[in-house]
């Protein structure tokens, strides 16, 4: 059996570990802070596609991952007995004016081809969704059936349980053995930027909140840059900010209050919901905004899986598979835009 060491127990690291275990590898995961301690331990869990137009390798990769997600998470839950909170619930977005409606109808047509009949993008009447509909000046919404959600903390716990059930060691410290995959987020992005003398990636802070509201079967909502994500435990997540400059990586402040105010203006159904928790963390954003996958540019013989800014959970099933291909079989199916920039 092959030996694999994964450094980093966030969503990318745990997904790579799980996909290697499924193929019979012996896996050790090392993270001094514990599973889901960084950006993957947030609250939101929106897994939404790019718009179905101007197709490219990144959009295709994400589409394949979102389609694979249901089976991926079902297998994880069956192996470890812990639910990730996954549901392909779809998403609603308001349409602001006639131009937005026209563009949305064009995308209805392109979605039928690009999404291969596996999901829909359609214009619908907001009245169909009653109080759950976001405010829309046109009275119309986009509904897509590809978007899904999970609870980030539950998903990380589910992967930990599944990996351990397959015999993985998940430790704070320990020696490396075999092939090494670095999935350490902002730490590695900053190290690569220093080595290159230019910005290859950085950390972007996000703040989010969790509200008490029973809406577990409802679609997620998106408007004004905000994600409203119902979870399966009677809560709804609201997020998030995107902060390039900050003093306290884990501090919540007035910027989150602003997010909540905007969310309640756009989605009146949230106004009476109690705020249960507030969260802040720093997410790894590659300069290209795509994941960074492949041979590690700083560590000869090692590999990297990084840069899951805002799309990490949606990309994770396919990231795990293509990295297992590369690490265990030498098979390279990584899109060119995802490869690390030369240093």
Protein backbone atom coordinates (compact mmCIF):
# COMPACT_ATOMS: atom_id res chain seq x y z
CA UNK A 1 0.00 0.00 0.00
CA UNK A 2 1.13 3.54 -0.71
CA UNK A 3 1.84 5.89 2.18
CA UNK A 4 0.48 9.43 2.07
CA UNK A 5 0.92 12.27 4.56
CA UNK A 6 -1.47 15.21 4.33
CA UNK A 7 -0.49 18.38 6.11
CA UNK A 8 -3.60 20.39 6.92
CA UNK A 9 -6.99 19.14 8.11
CA UNK A 10 -9.25 21.62 6.38
CA UNK A 11 -11.69 20.70 3.65
CA UNK A 12 -9.04 20.19 0.94
CA UNK A 13 -6.69 18.19 3.16
CA UNK A 14 -9.42 15.93 4.53
CA UNK A 15 -10.94 15.38 1.07
CA UNK A 16 -7.55 14.40 -0.38
CA UNK A 17 -6.99 12.08 2.58
CA UNK A 18 -10.41 10.43 2.11
CA UNK A 19 -9.93 9.89 -1.63
CA UNK A 20 -6.50 8.34 -1.07
CA UNK A 21 -7.89 6.06 1.65
CA UNK A 22 -10.67 4.88 -0.66
CA UNK A 23 -7.97 3.65 -3.03
CA UNK A 24 -6.20 1.66 -0.35
CA UNK A 25 -3.46 4.07 0.71
CA UNK A 26 -2.28 4.39 4.30
CA UNK A 27 -2.85 8.00 5.29
CA UNK A 28 -1.66 10.25 8.08
CA UNK A 29 -3.16 13.73 8.47
CA UNK A 30 -1.17 16.26 10.49
CA UNK A 31 -2.57 19.55 11.72
CA UNK A 32 -1.33 21.20 14.94
CA UNK A 33 -4.59 23.11 15.31
CA UNK A 34 -6.94 20.19 14.70
CA UNK A 35 -9.48 19.46 11.96
CA UNK A 36 -11.49 22.38 10.65
CA UNK A 37 -9.66 24.87 12.84
CA UNK A 38 -9.14 27.48 10.13
CA UNK A 39 -11.23 28.72 7.24
CA UNK A 40 -12.99 25.35 6.93
CA UNK A 41 -14.51 25.72 10.39
CA UNK A 42 -16.91 28.47 9.36
CA UNK A 43 -20.70 28.64 9.30
CA UNK A 44 -21.95 29.29 5.77
CA UNK A 45 -21.41 26.21 3.59
CA UNK A 46 -22.81 27.53 0.30
CA UNK A 47 -21.91 25.33 -2.68
CA UNK A 48 -23.03 27.32 -5.70
CA UNK A 49 -22.05 27.20 -9.39
CA UNK A 50 -20.66 29.86 -11.66
CA UNK A 51 -23.15 31.22 -14.17
CA UNK A 52 -23.73 28.88 -17.15
CA UNK A 53 -21.98 30.86 -19.89
CA UNK A 54 -18.48 31.45 -21.33
CA UNK A 55 -17.57 27.91 -20.30
CA UNK A 56 -13.98 27.20 -19.24
CA UNK A 57 -11.95 24.58 -17.40
CA UNK A 58 -12.66 26.09 -13.98
CA UNK A 59 -16.43 26.12 -14.50
CA UNK A 60 -16.36 22.57 -15.87
CA UNK A 61 -14.30 21.36 -12.90
CA UNK A 62 -16.70 22.98 -10.47
CA UNK A 63 -19.75 21.59 -12.30
CA UNK A 64 -18.36 18.06 -12.17
CA UNK A 65 -17.59 18.46 -8.49
CA UNK A 66 -21.07 19.74 -7.63
CA UNK A 67 -22.65 16.85 -9.53
CA UNK A 68 -20.39 14.37 -7.73
CA UNK A 69 -21.03 15.91 -4.29
CA UNK A 70 -24.20 14.01 -3.41
CA UNK A 71 -22.58 10.57 -3.79
CA UNK A 72 -19.33 11.82 -2.24
CA UNK A 73 -20.99 13.01 0.95
CA UNK A 74 -23.34 10.03 1.15
CA UNK A 75 -20.34 7.70 1.08
CA UNK A 76 -18.53 9.78 3.71
CA UNK A 77 -21.57 9.62 6.01
CA UNK A 78 -22.00 5.89 5.48
CA UNK A 79 -18.34 5.22 6.29
CA UNK A 80 -18.08 7.30 9.45
CA UNK A 81 -21.66 7.58 10.70
CA UNK A 82 -21.51 11.39 10.92
CA UNK A 83 -23.72 13.57 8.72
CA UNK A 84 -22.21 16.56 6.87
CA UNK A 85 -25.53 18.40 6.58
CA UNK A 86 -25.48 18.08 2.80
CA UNK A 87 -28.55 18.88 0.70
CA UNK A 88 -28.82 19.87 -2.93
CA UNK A 89 -31.39 22.51 -2.05
CA UNK A 90 -30.98 24.90 -4.98
CA UNK A 91 -30.69 28.66 -4.82
CA UNK A 92 -32.83 31.76 -5.44
CA UNK A 93 -31.53 35.14 -6.67
CA UNK A 94 -33.58 38.30 -7.32
CA UNK A 95 -33.60 39.98 -10.73
CA UNK A 96 -33.24 43.74 -10.45
CA UNK A 97 -34.41 44.99 -13.85
CA UNK A 98 -35.40 44.07 -17.41
CA UNK A 99 -31.77 43.65 -18.49
CA UNK A 100 -31.15 41.18 -15.67
CA UNK A 101 -34.26 39.23 -16.68
CA UNK A 102 -33.13 39.10 -20.32
CA UNK A 103 -29.68 37.86 -19.32
CA UNK A 104 -31.18 35.25 -16.99
CA UNK A 105 -33.36 33.92 -19.80
CA UNK A 106 -30.32 33.63 -22.05
CA UNK A 107 -28.64 31.60 -19.35
CA UNK A 108 -31.68 29.31 -19.19
CA UNK A 109 -30.79 28.24 -22.71
CA UNK A 110 -27.04 27.86 -22.12
CA UNK A 111 -27.64 25.90 -18.89
CA UNK A 112 -29.57 23.24 -20.78
CA UNK A 113 -26.45 22.53 -22.83
CA UNK A 114 -23.64 23.20 -20.38
CA UNK A 115 -25.25 21.49 -17.40
CA UNK A 116 -26.08 18.47 -19.55
CA UNK A 117 -29.64 18.13 -18.29
CA UNK A 118 -28.38 17.39 -14.77
CA UNK A 119 -29.56 20.70 -13.30
CA UNK A 120 -31.68 23.70 -14.29
CA UNK A 121 -31.32 27.47 -14.32
CA UNK A 122 -34.70 29.13 -14.81
CA UNK A 123 -36.60 32.36 -14.29
CA UNK A 124 -39.50 31.94 -11.84
CA UNK A 125 -42.16 34.09 -10.17
CA UNK A 126 -41.12 35.20 -6.68
CA UNK A 127 -44.70 34.56 -5.50
CA UNK A 128 -44.05 30.81 -5.79
CA UNK A 129 -41.83 31.01 -2.71
CA UNK A 130 -44.00 33.16 -0.47
CA UNK A 131 -42.23 34.74 2.50
CA UNK A 132 -39.00 32.91 1.68
CA UNK A 133 -38.54 34.82 -1.59
CA UNK A 134 -35.96 37.62 -1.52
CA UNK A 135 -37.19 41.08 -2.45
CA UNK A 136 -37.08 41.48 -6.23
CA UNK A 137 -37.95 44.73 -8.09
CA UNK A 138 -39.15 42.71 -11.10
CA UNK A 139 -41.07 40.14 -9.09
CA UNK A 140 -38.90 37.50 -10.72
CA UNK A 141 -36.09 35.28 -9.46
CA UNK A 142 -33.47 32.95 -10.84
CA UNK A 143 -33.81 29.46 -9.43
CA UNK A 144 -30.99 27.01 -10.03
CA UNK A 145 -31.14 23.37 -8.97
CA UNK A 146 -27.36 22.77 -8.93
CA UNK A 147 -26.55 24.72 -5.76
CA UNK A 148 -26.19 22.71 -2.57
CA UNK A 149 -25.33 23.35 1.05
CA UNK A 150 -23.65 21.64 3.96
CA UNK A 151 -22.60 22.69 7.43
CA UNK A 152 -18.82 23.27 7.26
CA UNK A 153 -18.10 22.07 10.79
CA UNK A 154 -20.30 19.01 10.40
CA UNK A 155 -18.71 18.23 7.04
CA UNK A 156 -15.19 18.33 8.50
CA UNK A 157 -16.33 16.12 11.40
CA UNK A 158 -17.90 13.69 8.92
CA UNK A 159 -14.66 13.45 6.93
CA UNK A 160 -12.63 12.92 10.11
CA UNK A 161 -14.94 10.07 11.18
CA UNK A 162 -14.87 8.49 7.72
CA UNK A 163 -11.08 8.75 7.45
CA UNK A 164 -10.58 7.19 10.88
CA UNK A 165 -13.00 4.41 9.99
CA UNK A 166 -10.70 3.65 7.04
CA UNK A 167 -7.68 3.57 9.34
CA UNK A 168 -6.28 7.07 8.94
CA UNK A 169 -4.18 8.66 11.66
CA UNK A 170 -5.20 12.26 12.35
CA UNK A 171 -2.69 13.89 14.65
CA UNK A 172 -1.40 17.25 15.83
CA UNK A 173 2.21 16.28 15.13
CA UNK A 174 4.06 13.33 13.72
CA UNK A 175 6.64 12.25 11.15
CA UNK A 176 5.87 12.37 7.46
CA UNK A 177 5.83 9.16 5.49
CA UNK A 178 5.44 8.55 1.79
CA UNK A 179 4.08 11.22 -0.53
CA UNK A 180 3.32 14.53 1.19
CA UNK A 181 0.43 16.80 0.29
CA UNK A 182 0.44 20.31 1.73
CA UNK A 183 -3.04 21.73 2.29
CA UNK A 184 -2.17 24.40 4.83
CA UNK A 185 -4.04 27.35 3.37
CA UNK A 186 -2.83 30.88 3.98
CA UNK A 187 0.47 29.71 5.50
CA UNK A 188 1.64 28.20 2.22
CA UNK A 189 0.29 31.00 0.03
CA UNK A 190 2.26 33.55 1.99
CA UNK A 191 5.42 31.43 1.86
CA UNK A 192 5.14 31.10 -1.93
CA UNK A 193 4.58 34.83 -2.30
CA UNK A 194 7.68 35.60 -0.26
CA UNK A 195 9.76 33.18 -2.33
CA UNK A 196 8.50 34.59 -5.62
CA UNK A 197 8.80 38.23 -4.59
CA UNK A 198 5.26 38.88 -5.76
CA UNK A 199 1.75 38.16 -4.54
CA UNK A 200 0.66 34.65 -5.55
CA UNK A 201 -2.02 34.38 -2.92
CA UNK A 202 -3.14 35.88 0.34
CA UNK A 203 -5.62 35.61 3.16
CA UNK A 204 -9.01 37.29 2.96
CA UNK A 205 -10.95 37.60 6.19
CA UNK A 206 -14.61 36.70 6.29
CA UNK A 207 -17.23 37.21 8.98
CA UNK A 208 -20.51 35.29 9.20
CA UNK A 209 -23.37 34.70 11.61
CA UNK A 210 -25.67 31.82 12.51
CA UNK A 211 -29.36 32.52 13.19
CA UNK A 212 -32.07 30.39 14.74
CA UNK A 213 -34.67 29.84 12.03
CA UNK A 214 -36.33 26.62 10.89
CA UNK A 215 -35.95 26.51 7.11
CA UNK A 216 -34.05 23.27 6.55
CA UNK A 217 -35.79 22.29 3.30
CA UNK A 218 -35.70 25.78 1.78
CA UNK A 219 -33.35 26.81 -1.04
CA UNK A 220 -30.42 29.02 -0.20
CA UNK A 221 -30.64 32.70 -1.15
CA UNK A 222 -28.14 35.06 -2.76
CA UNK A 223 -28.42 38.82 -3.21
CA UNK A 224 -26.26 41.90 -2.68
CA UNK A 225 -23.21 39.66 -2.37
CA UNK A 226 -24.73 37.81 0.60
CA UNK A 227 -25.31 34.10 1.08
CA UNK A 228 -28.27 32.97 3.18
CA UNK A 229 -27.93 29.24 3.80
CA UNK A 230 -30.49 27.15 5.71
CA UNK A 231 -28.96 24.21 7.56
CA UNK A 232 -30.50 20.93 8.59
CA UNK A 233 -30.38 21.70 12.31
CA UNK A 234 -32.87 24.57 12.40
CA UNK A 235 -30.32 27.31 11.81
CA UNK A 236 -29.59 29.69 8.93
CA UNK A 237 -26.13 31.02 8.14
CA UNK A 238 -25.55 34.55 6.83
CA UNK A 239 -22.26 35.59 5.26
CA UNK A 240 -19.91 37.01 4.54
CA UNK A 241 -17.50 39.91 4.45
CA UNK A 242 -14.38 39.97 2.25
CA UNK A 243 -11.69 41.93 4.07
CA UNK A 244 -8.21 42.39 2.60
CA UNK A 245 -7.00 44.47 5.54
CA UNK A 246 -7.63 43.54 9.16
CA UNK A 247 -5.96 43.61 12.55
CA UNK A 248 -7.67 40.67 14.26
CA UNK A 249 -8.07 37.57 12.04
CA UNK A 250 -10.65 36.01 14.37
CA UNK A 251 -12.42 39.17 15.58
CA UNK A 252 -16.03 40.00 14.76
CA UNK A 253 -17.01 43.65 14.58
CA UNK A 254 -19.31 46.22 13.01
CA UNK A 255 -18.71 44.86 9.52
CA UNK A 256 -20.70 41.78 10.49
CA UNK A 257 -23.45 43.97 11.90
CA UNK A 258 -23.60 45.62 8.48
CA UNK A 259 -23.88 42.21 6.78
CA UNK A 260 -26.76 41.26 9.06
CA UNK A 261 -28.51 44.57 8.39
CA UNK A 262 -28.21 44.13 4.62
CA UNK A 263 -29.37 40.53 4.87
CA UNK A 264 -32.49 41.49 6.80
CA UNK A 265 -33.27 44.26 4.32
CA UNK A 266 -32.94 41.90 1.36
CA UNK A 267 -34.62 38.94 3.10
CA UNK A 268 -37.30 40.20 5.50
CA UNK A 269 -38.00 36.66 6.74
CA UNK A 270 -34.77 36.91 8.77
CA UNK A 271 -35.76 39.95 10.82
CA UNK A 272 -37.14 38.11 13.83
CA UNK A 273 -34.44 35.41 13.91
CA UNK A 274 -32.17 35.20 16.96
CA UNK A 275 -28.42 35.45 16.33
CA UNK A 276 -26.84 32.33 17.86
CA UNK A 277 -23.19 32.65 16.86
CA UNK A 278 -20.73 34.92 15.12
CA UNK A 279 -17.58 33.74 13.34
CA UNK A 280 -14.55 35.22 11.67
CA UNK A 281 -11.64 33.56 9.90
CA UNK A 282 -9.10 34.03 7.14
CA UNK A 283 -9.62 32.16 3.87
CA UNK A 284 -6.84 31.33 1.36
CA UNK A 285 -7.31 33.19 -1.91
CA UNK A 286 -4.98 32.45 -4.81
CA UNK A 287 -4.26 35.34 -7.19
CA UNK A 288 -6.09 33.46 -9.95
CA UNK A 289 -9.10 32.78 -7.67
CA UNK A 290 -8.83 29.13 -8.76
CA UNK A 291 -7.53 26.32 -6.53
CA UNK A 292 -3.78 25.63 -6.63
CA UNK A 293 -3.18 21.93 -7.28
CA UNK A 294 -0.16 19.91 -8.36
CA UNK A 295 3.54 19.71 -7.59
CA UNK A 296 4.55 21.95 -4.70
CA UNK A 297 6.70 24.83 -5.99
CA UNK A 298 8.70 25.14 -2.75
CA UNK A 299 8.99 21.51 -1.64
CA UNK A 300 10.58 19.16 -4.18
CA UNK A 301 8.72 15.87 -4.44
CA UNK A 302 5.71 17.14 -2.48
CA UNK A 303 2.27 18.27 -3.64
CA UNK A 304 -0.04 21.18 -2.90
CA UNK A 305 -3.83 21.58 -2.61
CA UNK A 306 -4.69 25.15 -1.70
CA UNK A 307 -6.64 28.29 -2.58
CA UNK A 308 -10.22 27.21 -2.00
CA UNK A 309 -11.44 30.75 -1.37
CA UNK A 310 -15.28 30.72 -1.20
CA UNK A 311 -15.50 27.62 -3.42
CA UNK A 312 -13.53 25.11 -1.37
CA UNK A 313 -16.44 22.95 -0.22
CA UNK A 314 -18.00 22.89 -3.67
CA UNK A 315 -14.68 21.96 -5.32
CA UNK A 316 -13.59 19.46 -2.66
CA UNK A 317 -14.98 16.19 -4.11
CA UNK A 318 -13.16 16.66 -7.41
CA UNK A 319 -10.04 18.16 -5.79
CA UNK A 320 -9.76 15.00 -3.70
CA UNK A 321 -10.12 12.76 -6.76
CA UNK A 322 -7.64 14.52 -9.06
CA UNK A 323 -5.07 14.81 -6.26
CA UNK A 324 -5.43 11.09 -5.47
CA UNK A 325 -4.92 10.41 -9.19
CA UNK A 326 -1.73 12.45 -9.17
CA UNK A 327 -0.28 11.30 -5.85
CA UNK A 328 -1.07 7.58 -6.13
CA UNK A 329 -1.03 6.92 -9.87
CA UNK A 330 0.93 9.77 -11.43
CA UNK A 331 -2.14 10.59 -13.51
CA UNK A 332 -2.41 14.34 -14.07
CA UNK A 333 -5.96 15.59 -14.72
CA UNK A 334 -5.44 19.05 -13.21
CA UNK A 335 -6.60 22.01 -15.35
CA UNK A 336 -3.74 24.20 -16.51
CA UNK A 337 -5.11 27.26 -14.71
CA UNK A 338 -4.98 25.40 -11.40
CA UNK A 339 -1.26 24.68 -11.44
CA UNK A 340 1.07 26.65 -9.16
CA UNK A 341 2.75 29.62 -10.76
CA UNK A 342 6.51 29.24 -11.23
CA UNK A 343 8.54 30.89 -8.50
